Amino acid sequence: MRGRELPLSRAVEDDARRSYGVRVVKRLPELQERFYAITIERKVKHPAAVAMTRTAKAELFAPGR
């Protein structure tokens, strides 16, 4: 990707570096992302969804990330 810029989420940055050899050119701290898990239930009950929610809270939304 020489000479081209590619916007990527920080959530996939490490994978993109390993898989495609890309590098960080600039970070935009004012840019925000939002992720949604949509369910018809008021409380997440499915074990896979609970695990995904916990992981997201711990890794994706950790302070300083």
Protein backbone atom coordinates (compact mmCIF):
# COMPACT_ATOMS: atom_id res chain seq x y z
CA MET A 1 0.00 0.00 0.00
CA ARG A 2 2.75 2.40 -0.77
CA GLY A 3 1.55 5.97 -1.04
CA ARG A 4 -1.95 5.21 0.18
CA GLU A 5 -3.57 5.83 3.52
CA LEU A 6 -6.05 3.49 5.10
CA PRO A 7 -8.25 4.37 8.06
CA LEU A 8 -8.39 1.52 10.54
CA SER A 9 -9.91 0.96 13.92
CA ARG A 10 -7.48 0.54 16.78
CA ALA A 11 -9.36 -2.65 17.55
CA VAL A 12 -7.91 -4.27 14.39
CA GLU A 13 -4.61 -2.39 14.19
CA ASP A 14 -2.40 -5.24 15.42
CA ASP A 15 -4.04 -7.75 13.08
CA ALA A 16 -3.64 -5.40 10.11
CA ARG A 17 0.05 -4.90 10.89
CA ARG A 18 0.69 -8.64 11.04
CA SER A 19 -1.48 -9.59 8.06
CA TYR A 20 -0.83 -6.73 5.66
CA GLY A 21 2.35 -5.08 6.87
CA VAL A 22 0.70 -1.69 7.29
CA ARG A 23 2.02 0.92 9.68
CA VAL A 24 0.53 3.76 11.69
CA VAL A 25 1.03 7.12 10.01
CA LYS A 26 -1.14 9.28 12.22
CA ARG A 27 -3.60 8.88 15.07
CA LEU A 28 -6.69 11.02 15.40
CA PRO A 29 -7.50 11.16 19.12
CA GLU A 30 -10.59 13.30 18.50
CA LEU A 31 -12.10 10.55 16.32
CA GLN A 32 -14.44 8.25 18.21
CA GLU A 33 -15.89 4.86 17.34
CA ARG A 34 -18.98 3.23 18.68
CA PHE A 35 -19.74 -0.47 18.73
CA TYR A 36 -23.19 -1.86 19.32
CA ALA A 37 -24.43 -5.31 20.23
CA ILE A 38 -28.14 -5.41 19.47
CA THR A 39 -30.43 -7.78 21.32
CA ILE A 40 -34.13 -8.03 22.02
CA GLU A 41 -33.41 -8.88 25.66
CA ARG A 42 -32.87 -6.19 28.27
CA LYS A 43 -30.01 -8.11 29.82
CA VAL A 44 -27.42 -10.11 27.89
CA LYS A 45 -27.88 -13.78 28.80
CA HIS A 46 -26.32 -15.87 26.04
CA PRO A 47 -22.89 -17.11 27.22
CA ALA A 48 -21.14 -16.11 23.97
CA ALA A 49 -22.65 -12.62 24.06
CA VAL A 50 -21.69 -12.24 27.74
CA ALA A 51 -18.10 -13.26 26.95
CA MET A 52 -17.96 -10.88 23.98
CA THR A 53 -19.29 -8.01 26.09
CA ARG A 54 -16.76 -8.63 28.87
CA THR A 55 -13.88 -8.84 26.41
CA ALA A 56 -14.97 -5.63 24.69
CA LYS A 57 -15.18 -3.77 27.97
CA ALA A 58 -11.79 -5.07 29.09
CA GLU A 59 -9.86 -4.68 25.83
CA LEU A 60 -11.52 -2.34 23.36
CA PHE A 61 -12.65 0.29 25.80
CA ALA A 62 -9.81 0.15 28.30
CA PRO A 63 -8.49 3.54 29.40
CA GLY A 64 -5.48 4.65 27.37
CA ARG A 65 -6.28 2.34 24.45
